[in-house]
Amino acid sequence: MIPSVSFLGVSLVNVQAQKSHFLSCLQLIKTTKTEAAVVSSALSEPSNTGFKQKRGRPKGSKNKPYTEPESLSFVTFKSPVDDLLLQLARHCASIILPYIVLEGFYDNQHYLKYAQSKGLKMISKLKCNAHLILPYLSEKTKAEADPKNMIKS
């Protein structure tokens, strides 16, 4: 483990005025209770005993519904953001918050689903090992999608 300090800073950005208003800065502190829970769950996972498993999905397995992770980083991120969103809704109800901007560490499905559950769109820098695949649009499809090329009848 590398000793370090982690902070969660929150700012409101006014795009028209090109100004940022700093609201709060919280230090994310690991608690021993959550560390112990994460360590105990990691220890309870079965280890590979040496036999080779067959390839593919096991027969009879079913899709499981999405559950939020119990990881230390997700728990320490979620609770202060929940509190801050609640305070903003209570004291500044007229402010519309459409986006949340996060560091590349938070660029995964769990944080994206959390942001979507709060009605926010997530902006994040992709990690260097991200493999982004966009659907192919042929020239014909691009021309059809362009509103300039539409003919009104």
N, C-alpha and C. Protein backbone atom coordinates (compact mmCIF):
# COMPACT_ATOMS: atom_id res chain seq x y z
N MET A 1 0.84 -1.18 0.00
CA MET A 1 0.00 0.00 0.00
C MET A 1 0.88 1.24 0.00
N ILE A 2 0.50 2.21 -0.82
CA ILE A 2 1.23 3.46 -0.92
C ILE A 2 0.52 4.50 -0.05
N PRO A 3 1.23 5.08 0.92
CA PRO A 3 0.58 6.09 1.75
C PRO A 3 0.24 7.32 0.91
N SER A 4 -1.00 7.74 0.99
CA SER A 4 -1.44 8.90 0.21
C SER A 4 -2.65 9.55 0.87
N VAL A 5 -3.06 10.67 0.32
CA VAL A 5 -4.21 11.40 0.80
C VAL A 5 -5.19 11.52 -0.35
N SER A 6 -6.49 11.35 -0.05
CA SER A 6 -7.51 11.41 -1.09
C SER A 6 -8.56 12.45 -0.70
N PHE A 7 -8.89 13.31 -1.66
CA PHE A 7 -9.88 14.36 -1.43
C PHE A 7 -10.97 14.29 -2.48
N LEU A 8 -12.16 14.68 -2.08
CA LEU A 8 -13.28 14.82 -3.00
C LEU A 8 -13.67 16.29 -2.99
N GLY A 9 -13.39 16.98 -4.11
CA GLY A 9 -13.71 18.39 -4.23
C GLY A 9 -14.94 18.58 -5.09
N VAL A 10 -15.81 19.51 -4.70
CA VAL A 10 -17.05 19.76 -5.43
C VAL A 10 -17.12 21.23 -5.79
N SER A 11 -17.38 21.47 -7.07
CA SER A 11 -17.54 22.84 -7.58
C SER A 11 -18.77 22.90 -8.47
N LEU A 12 -19.41 24.05 -8.48
CA LEU A 12 -20.46 24.33 -9.45
C LEU A 12 -19.82 25.19 -10.53
N VAL A 13 -20.05 24.83 -11.79
CA VAL A 13 -19.46 25.54 -12.90
C VAL A 13 -20.56 26.23 -13.69
N ASN A 14 -20.44 27.53 -13.83
CA ASN A 14 -21.35 28.31 -14.65
C ASN A 14 -20.72 28.43 -16.03
N VAL A 15 -21.28 27.73 -17.01
CA VAL A 15 -20.68 27.66 -18.33
C VAL A 15 -20.78 29.00 -19.06
N GLN A 16 -21.93 29.68 -18.94
CA GLN A 16 -22.09 30.96 -19.63
C GLN A 16 -21.10 32.01 -19.11
N ALA A 17 -20.95 32.09 -17.82
CA ALA A 17 -20.04 33.07 -17.23
C ALA A 17 -18.60 32.58 -17.17
N GLN A 18 -18.36 31.32 -17.48
CA GLN A 18 -17.04 30.68 -17.42
C GLN A 18 -16.40 30.86 -16.05
N LYS A 19 -17.18 30.57 -15.01
CA LYS A 19 -16.71 30.68 -13.63
C LYS A 19 -16.99 29.39 -12.89
N SER A 20 -16.11 29.06 -11.96
CA SER A 20 -16.28 27.90 -11.12
C SER A 20 -16.43 28.36 -9.67
N HIS A 21 -17.42 27.80 -8.98
CA HIS A 21 -17.66 28.16 -7.58
C HIS A 21 -17.40 26.93 -6.73
N PHE A 22 -16.34 26.99 -5.94
CA PHE A 22 -15.93 25.86 -5.10
C PHE A 22 -16.87 25.73 -3.92
N LEU A 23 -17.48 24.55 -3.74
CA LEU A 23 -18.45 24.35 -2.65
C LEU A 23 -17.86 23.66 -1.44
N SER A 24 -17.17 22.55 -1.68
CA SER A 24 -16.65 21.83 -0.52
C SER A 24 -15.48 20.95 -0.92
N CYS A 25 -14.74 20.58 0.09
CA CYS A 25 -13.61 19.66 -0.08
C CYS A 25 -13.63 18.71 1.11
N LEU A 26 -13.77 17.43 0.82
CA LEU A 26 -13.82 16.42 1.87
C LEU A 26 -12.66 15.46 1.72
N GLN A 27 -12.01 15.14 2.82
CA GLN A 27 -10.97 14.12 2.77
C GLN A 27 -11.64 12.76 2.90
N LEU A 28 -11.34 11.87 1.98
CA LEU A 28 -11.89 10.52 2.04
C LEU A 28 -10.98 9.68 2.91
N ILE A 29 -11.52 9.26 4.04
CA ILE A 29 -10.74 8.51 5.03
C ILE A 29 -11.23 7.07 5.07
N LYS A 30 -10.31 6.15 5.00
CA LYS A 30 -10.68 4.75 5.11
C LYS A 30 -10.96 4.44 6.57
N THR A 31 -12.10 3.80 6.81
CA THR A 31 -12.42 3.42 8.17
C THR A 31 -12.04 1.96 8.36
N THR A 32 -11.68 1.61 9.58
CA THR A 32 -11.24 0.24 9.84
C THR A 32 -12.39 -0.75 9.66
N LYS A 33 -13.62 -0.33 9.93
CA LYS A 33 -14.77 -1.23 9.78
C LYS A 33 -14.96 -1.62 8.32
N THR A 34 -14.92 -0.63 7.41
CA THR A 34 -15.10 -0.96 6.00
C THR A 34 -13.88 -1.69 5.45
N GLU A 35 -12.69 -1.36 5.96
CA GLU A 35 -11.50 -2.11 5.53
C GLU A 35 -11.61 -3.56 5.94
N ALA A 36 -12.08 -3.80 7.15
CA ALA A 36 -12.22 -5.17 7.63
C ALA A 36 -13.25 -5.93 6.83
N ALA A 37 -14.35 -5.27 6.44
CA ALA A 37 -15.38 -5.93 5.65
C ALA A 37 -14.86 -6.29 4.27
N VAL A 38 -14.07 -5.39 3.67
CA VAL A 38 -13.52 -5.67 2.34
C VAL A 38 -12.50 -6.79 2.41
N VAL A 39 -11.65 -6.77 3.45
CA VAL A 39 -10.65 -7.82 3.60
C VAL A 39 -11.31 -9.17 3.86
N SER A 40 -12.35 -9.20 4.72
CA SER A 40 -13.00 -10.47 5.02
C SER A 40 -13.73 -11.02 3.81
N SER A 41 -14.34 -10.15 2.98
CA SER A 41 -15.02 -10.65 1.78
C SER A 41 -14.00 -11.17 0.77
N ALA A 42 -12.82 -10.56 0.72
CA ALA A 42 -11.80 -11.04 -0.20
C ALA A 42 -11.24 -12.39 0.26
N LEU A 43 -11.17 -12.57 1.57
CA LEU A 43 -10.66 -13.84 2.09
C LEU A 43 -11.67 -14.97 1.94
N SER A 44 -12.96 -14.65 1.91
CA SER A 44 -13.97 -15.69 1.83
C SER A 44 -14.15 -16.24 0.42
N GLU A 45 -13.54 -15.59 -0.60
CA GLU A 45 -13.66 -16.10 -1.96
C GLU A 45 -12.91 -17.41 -2.08
N PRO A 46 -13.49 -18.39 -2.79
CA PRO A 46 -12.80 -19.66 -2.94
C PRO A 46 -11.57 -19.51 -3.81
N SER A 47 -10.53 -20.21 -3.45
CA SER A 47 -9.29 -20.14 -4.22
C SER A 47 -9.25 -21.28 -5.22
N ASN A 48 -8.44 -21.12 -6.23
CA ASN A 48 -8.30 -22.13 -7.26
C ASN A 48 -7.49 -23.30 -6.69
N THR A 49 -8.08 -24.48 -6.66
CA THR A 49 -7.42 -25.63 -6.04
C THR A 49 -6.58 -26.42 -7.03
N GLY A 50 -6.49 -25.97 -8.26
CA GLY A 50 -5.61 -26.64 -9.20
C GLY A 50 -6.34 -27.38 -10.31
N PHE A 51 -7.64 -27.68 -10.19
CA PHE A 51 -8.31 -28.38 -11.28
C PHE A 51 -8.72 -27.39 -12.35
N LYS A 52 -8.71 -27.84 -13.60
CA LYS A 52 -9.00 -26.97 -14.72
C LYS A 52 -10.50 -26.95 -14.98
N GLN A 53 -11.08 -25.76 -15.08
CA GLN A 53 -12.50 -25.64 -15.35
C GLN A 53 -12.74 -25.66 -16.85
N LYS A 54 -13.95 -26.09 -17.24
CA LYS A 54 -14.31 -26.10 -18.64
C LYS A 54 -14.47 -24.66 -19.12
N ARG A 55 -14.32 -24.47 -20.42
CA ARG A 55 -14.47 -23.15 -21.00
C ARG A 55 -15.94 -22.78 -21.09
N GLY A 56 -16.22 -21.48 -21.06
CA GLY A 56 -17.57 -21.00 -21.24
C GLY A 56 -18.33 -20.86 -19.94
N ARG A 57 -19.59 -20.57 -20.11
CA ARG A 57 -20.48 -20.34 -18.97
C ARG A 57 -20.95 -21.67 -18.40
N PRO A 58 -20.96 -21.82 -17.08
CA PRO A 58 -21.44 -23.08 -16.48
C PRO A 58 -22.91 -23.31 -16.80
N LYS A 59 -23.27 -24.57 -17.00
CA LYS A 59 -24.66 -24.90 -17.31
C LYS A 59 -25.54 -24.59 -16.10
N GLY A 60 -26.71 -24.04 -16.38
CA GLY A 60 -27.66 -23.73 -15.32
C GLY A 60 -27.45 -22.38 -14.67
N SER A 61 -26.37 -21.67 -15.01
CA SER A 61 -26.15 -20.35 -14.41
C SER A 61 -27.09 -19.34 -15.04
N LYS A 62 -27.50 -18.36 -14.28
CA LYS A 62 -28.45 -17.36 -14.74
C LYS A 62 -27.87 -15.98 -14.56
N ASN A 63 -28.42 -15.05 -15.33
CA ASN A 63 -28.02 -13.66 -15.17
C ASN A 63 -28.49 -13.15 -13.81
N LYS A 64 -27.64 -12.40 -13.16
CA LYS A 64 -27.99 -11.85 -11.86
C LYS A 64 -28.31 -10.37 -12.01
N PRO A 65 -29.25 -9.86 -11.22
CA PRO A 65 -29.53 -8.42 -11.30
C PRO A 65 -28.34 -7.61 -10.79
N TYR A 66 -28.25 -6.37 -11.26
CA TYR A 66 -27.15 -5.49 -10.87
C TYR A 66 -27.22 -5.16 -9.38
N THR A 67 -26.11 -5.25 -8.72
CA THR A 67 -26.00 -4.83 -7.32
C THR A 67 -24.82 -3.87 -7.21
N GLU A 68 -24.96 -2.88 -6.36
CA GLU A 68 -23.87 -1.94 -6.15
C GLU A 68 -22.71 -2.64 -5.46
N PRO A 69 -21.49 -2.29 -5.82
CA PRO A 69 -20.34 -2.93 -5.18
C PRO A 69 -20.18 -2.47 -3.74
N GLU A 70 -19.56 -3.29 -2.96
CA GLU A 70 -19.29 -2.95 -1.56
C GLU A 70 -17.84 -2.53 -1.38
N SER A 71 -17.21 -2.14 -2.48
CA SER A 71 -15.80 -1.77 -2.40
C SER A 71 -15.62 -0.49 -1.59
N LEU A 72 -14.47 -0.37 -1.03
CA LEU A 72 -14.17 0.77 -0.17
C LEU A 72 -14.23 2.08 -0.94
N SER A 73 -13.73 2.10 -2.16
CA SER A 73 -13.72 3.34 -2.94
C SER A 73 -15.14 3.78 -3.30
N PHE A 74 -16.02 2.83 -3.61
CA PHE A 74 -17.39 3.19 -3.98
C PHE A 74 -18.16 3.70 -2.77
N VAL A 75 -17.99 3.07 -1.63
CA VAL A 75 -18.70 3.48 -0.42
C VAL A 75 -18.24 4.86 0.04
N THR A 76 -16.92 5.11 -0.01
CA THR A 76 -16.40 6.40 0.44
C THR A 76 -16.74 7.51 -0.54
N PHE A 77 -17.01 7.18 -1.80
CA PHE A 77 -17.42 8.16 -2.79
C PHE A 77 -18.91 8.46 -2.67
N LYS A 78 -19.71 7.42 -2.50
CA LYS A 78 -21.16 7.53 -2.57
C LYS A 78 -21.76 8.35 -1.42
N SER A 79 -21.34 8.11 -0.21
CA SER A 79 -21.98 8.78 0.94
C SER A 79 -21.78 10.29 0.94
N PRO A 80 -20.57 10.85 0.69
CA PRO A 80 -20.48 12.31 0.66
C PRO A 80 -21.22 12.94 -0.52
N VAL A 81 -21.24 12.26 -1.66
CA VAL A 81 -21.96 12.80 -2.82
C VAL A 81 -23.46 12.80 -2.55
N ASP A 82 -23.98 11.73 -1.93
CA ASP A 82 -25.39 11.70 -1.55
C ASP A 82 -25.74 12.86 -0.62
N ASP A 83 -24.90 13.08 0.38
CA ASP A 83 -25.14 14.17 1.33
C ASP A 83 -25.12 15.53 0.63
N LEU A 84 -24.15 15.72 -0.26
CA LEU A 84 -24.03 17.00 -0.95
C LEU A 84 -25.21 17.24 -1.89
N LEU A 85 -25.64 16.22 -2.63
CA LEU A 85 -26.79 16.37 -3.52
C LEU A 85 -28.06 16.67 -2.72
N LEU A 86 -28.20 16.07 -1.55
CA LEU A 86 -29.35 16.34 -0.69
C LEU A 86 -29.34 17.79 -0.20
N GLN A 87 -28.17 18.28 0.21
CA GLN A 87 -28.06 19.66 0.68
C GLN A 87 -28.33 20.65 -0.45
N LEU A 88 -27.81 20.35 -1.64
CA LEU A 88 -28.06 21.24 -2.78
C LEU A 88 -29.54 21.27 -3.15
N ALA A 89 -30.20 20.12 -3.11
CA ALA A 89 -31.63 20.07 -3.42
C ALA A 89 -32.44 20.83 -2.37
N ARG A 90 -32.00 20.78 -1.13
CA ARG A 90 -32.73 21.45 -0.05
C ARG A 90 -32.53 22.97 -0.09
N HIS A 91 -31.29 23.42 -0.29
CA HIS A 91 -30.99 24.85 -0.17
C HIS A 91 -30.95 25.60 -1.50
N CYS A 92 -30.69 24.89 -2.57
CA CYS A 92 -30.57 25.54 -3.89
C CYS A 92 -31.40 24.77 -4.91
N ALA A 93 -32.69 24.72 -4.69
CA ALA A 93 -33.57 23.92 -5.54
C ALA A 93 -33.65 24.44 -6.97
N SER A 94 -33.36 25.72 -7.17
CA SER A 94 -33.46 26.29 -8.52
C SER A 94 -32.27 25.94 -9.40
N ILE A 95 -31.20 25.43 -8.84
CA ILE A 95 -30.01 25.08 -9.62
C ILE A 95 -30.23 23.73 -10.28
N ILE A 96 -29.98 23.70 -11.58
CA ILE A 96 -30.09 22.45 -12.34
C ILE A 96 -28.70 21.84 -12.45
N LEU A 97 -28.57 20.61 -12.00
CA LEU A 97 -27.28 19.91 -12.06
C LEU A 97 -27.37 18.78 -13.09
N PRO A 98 -26.94 19.04 -14.33
CA PRO A 98 -27.06 17.99 -15.34
C PRO A 98 -25.87 17.04 -15.41
N TYR A 99 -24.69 17.46 -14.95
CA TYR A 99 -23.50 16.66 -15.15
C TYR A 99 -22.73 16.46 -13.85
N ILE A 100 -21.96 15.37 -13.83
CA ILE A 100 -20.97 15.15 -12.78
C ILE A 100 -19.67 14.84 -13.51
N VAL A 101 -18.60 15.51 -13.13
CA VAL A 101 -17.30 15.33 -13.77
C VAL A 101 -16.40 14.59 -12.79
N LEU A 102 -15.86 13.46 -13.26
CA LEU A 102 -15.05 12.61 -12.39
C LEU A 102 -13.71 12.29 -13.03
N GLU A 103 -12.75 11.94 -12.20
CA GLU A 103 -11.43 11.53 -12.66
C GLU A 103 -11.52 10.17 -13.35
N GLY A 104 -10.50 9.80 -14.09
CA GLY A 104 -10.47 8.55 -14.83
C GLY A 104 -10.61 7.31 -13.95
N PHE A 105 -10.24 7.40 -12.67
CA PHE A 105 -10.38 6.26 -11.76
C PHE A 105 -11.84 5.84 -11.64
N TYR A 106 -12.74 6.81 -11.72
CA TYR A 106 -14.16 6.55 -11.53
C TYR A 106 -14.88 6.20 -12.83
N ASP A 107 -14.14 5.96 -13.88
CA ASP A 107 -14.74 5.67 -15.18
C ASP A 107 -15.02 4.18 -15.32
N ASN A 108 -16.07 3.71 -14.66
CA ASN A 108 -16.52 2.33 -14.83
C ASN A 108 -18.03 2.26 -14.63
N GLN A 109 -18.59 1.09 -14.85
CA GLN A 109 -20.05 0.97 -14.87
C GLN A 109 -20.71 1.30 -13.54
N HIS A 110 -20.05 1.05 -12.43
CA HIS A 110 -20.67 1.28 -11.13
C HIS A 110 -20.92 2.77 -10.88
N TYR A 111 -19.91 3.58 -11.16
CA TYR A 111 -20.06 5.02 -10.96
C TYR A 111 -21.01 5.61 -12.00
N LEU A 112 -21.00 5.07 -13.22
CA LEU A 112 -21.92 5.53 -14.26
C LEU A 112 -23.37 5.23 -13.87
N LYS A 113 -23.64 4.01 -13.38
CA LYS A 113 -24.99 3.67 -12.95
C LYS A 113 -25.43 4.50 -11.76
N TYR A 114 -24.50 4.81 -10.87
CA TYR A 114 -24.82 5.66 -9.72
C TYR A 114 -25.21 7.06 -10.20
N ALA A 115 -24.43 7.63 -11.13
CA ALA A 115 -24.73 8.96 -11.66
C ALA A 115 -26.07 8.96 -12.37
N GLN A 116 -26.35 7.92 -13.14
CA GLN A 116 -27.63 7.84 -13.84
C GLN A 116 -28.79 7.72 -12.86
N SER A 117 -28.59 7.02 -11.75
CA SER A 117 -29.66 6.88 -10.75
C SER A 117 -29.99 8.22 -10.09
N LYS A 118 -29.03 9.13 -10.08
CA LYS A 118 -29.24 10.47 -9.51
C LYS A 118 -29.69 11.48 -10.57
N GLY A 119 -29.87 11.01 -11.81
CA GLY A 119 -30.31 11.89 -12.89
C GLY A 119 -29.18 12.74 -13.46
N LEU A 120 -27.95 12.30 -13.31
CA LEU A 120 -26.79 13.05 -13.79
C LEU A 120 -26.14 12.33 -14.97
N LYS A 121 -25.52 13.10 -15.84
CA LYS A 121 -24.71 12.54 -16.92
C LYS A 121 -23.26 12.66 -16.47
N MET A 122 -22.48 11.60 -16.72
CA MET A 122 -21.11 11.56 -16.23
C MET A 122 -20.13 11.98 -17.32
N ILE A 123 -19.21 12.86 -16.97
CA ILE A 123 -18.11 13.26 -17.84
C ILE A 123 -16.85 12.77 -17.17
N SER A 124 -16.03 12.02 -17.89
CA SER A 124 -14.83 11.48 -17.30
C SER A 124 -13.77 11.28 -18.36
N LYS A 125 -12.54 11.36 -17.95
CA LYS A 125 -11.42 11.05 -18.84
C LYS A 125 -11.28 9.54 -18.87
N LEU A 126 -11.21 8.97 -20.07
CA LEU A 126 -11.04 7.52 -20.17
C LEU A 126 -9.64 7.12 -19.74
N LYS A 127 -9.54 5.94 -19.18
CA LYS A 127 -8.23 5.42 -18.79
C LYS A 127 -7.41 5.12 -20.04
N CYS A 128 -6.11 5.04 -19.86
CA CYS A 128 -5.23 4.82 -21.01
C CYS A 128 -5.44 3.43 -21.62
N ASN A 129 -5.97 2.48 -20.84
CA ASN A 129 -6.17 1.13 -21.36
C ASN A 129 -7.61 0.89 -21.82
N ALA A 130 -8.42 1.96 -21.93
CA ALA A 130 -9.81 1.82 -22.35
C ALA A 130 -9.86 1.48 -23.84
N HIS A 131 -10.79 0.64 -24.21
CA HIS A 131 -10.98 0.24 -25.60
C HIS A 131 -12.37 0.69 -26.01
N LEU A 132 -12.44 1.86 -26.63
CA LEU A 132 -13.71 2.45 -27.01
C LEU A 132 -14.09 1.97 -28.40
N ILE A 133 -15.26 1.40 -28.53
CA ILE A 133 -15.74 0.93 -29.82
C ILE A 133 -17.01 1.69 -30.16
N LEU A 134 -16.98 2.38 -31.28
CA LEU A 134 -18.13 3.13 -31.74
C LEU A 134 -18.78 2.39 -32.90
N PRO A 135 -20.09 2.47 -33.05
CA PRO A 135 -20.73 1.78 -34.17
C PRO A 135 -20.32 2.41 -35.50
N TYR A 136 -20.21 1.59 -36.53
CA TYR A 136 -19.83 2.06 -37.85
C TYR A 136 -20.99 2.79 -38.50
N LEU A 137 -20.72 3.98 -39.02
CA LEU A 137 -21.71 4.74 -39.77
C LEU A 137 -21.18 4.91 -41.19
N SER A 138 -21.86 4.34 -42.16
CA SER A 138 -21.44 4.48 -43.54
C SER A 138 -21.72 5.90 -44.01
N GLU A 139 -21.17 6.25 -45.16
CA GLU A 139 -21.39 7.59 -45.71
C GLU A 139 -22.87 7.83 -45.95
N LYS A 140 -23.59 6.79 -46.38
CA LYS A 140 -25.02 6.92 -46.64
C LYS A 140 -25.77 7.22 -45.33
N THR A 141 -25.42 6.52 -44.27
CA THR A 141 -26.06 6.71 -42.97
C THR A 141 -25.76 8.11 -42.43
N LYS A 142 -24.52 8.58 -42.62
CA LYS A 142 -24.15 9.92 -42.15
C LYS A 142 -24.95 10.98 -42.89
N ALA A 143 -25.12 10.79 -44.22
CA ALA A 143 -25.86 11.76 -45.02
C ALA A 143 -27.33 11.79 -44.61
N GLU A 144 -27.88 10.62 -44.28
CA GLU A 144 -29.28 10.56 -43.86
C GLU A 144 -29.48 11.21 -42.50
N ALA A 145 -28.48 11.10 -41.64
CA ALA A 145 -28.59 11.66 -40.30
C ALA A 145 -28.39 13.16 -40.27
N ASP A 146 -27.76 13.73 -41.33
CA ASP A 146 -27.48 15.15 -41.38
C ASP A 146 -28.76 15.93 -41.67
N PRO A 147 -29.19 16.84 -40.79
CA PRO A 147 -30.45 17.57 -41.01
C PRO A 147 -30.39 18.51 -42.21
N LYS A 148 -29.19 18.93 -42.67
CA LYS A 148 -29.08 19.82 -43.82
C LYS A 148 -29.54 19.12 -45.10
N ASN A 149 -29.34 17.80 -45.16
CA ASN A 149 -29.66 17.05 -46.37
C ASN A 149 -31.11 16.60 -46.44
N MET A 150 -31.90 16.88 -45.41
CA MET A 150 -33.29 16.46 -45.42
C MET A 150 -34.11 17.34 -46.36
N ILE A 151 -34.94 16.72 -47.14
CA ILE A 151 -35.79 17.44 -48.08
C ILE A 151 -37.17 17.52 -47.49
N LYS A 152 -37.70 18.72 -47.42
CA LYS A 152 -39.04 18.90 -46.88
C LYS A 152 -40.05 18.78 -48.02
N SER A 153 -41.09 18.02 -47.78
CA SER A 153 -42.11 17.89 -48.83
C SER A 153 -43.42 18.48 -48.41
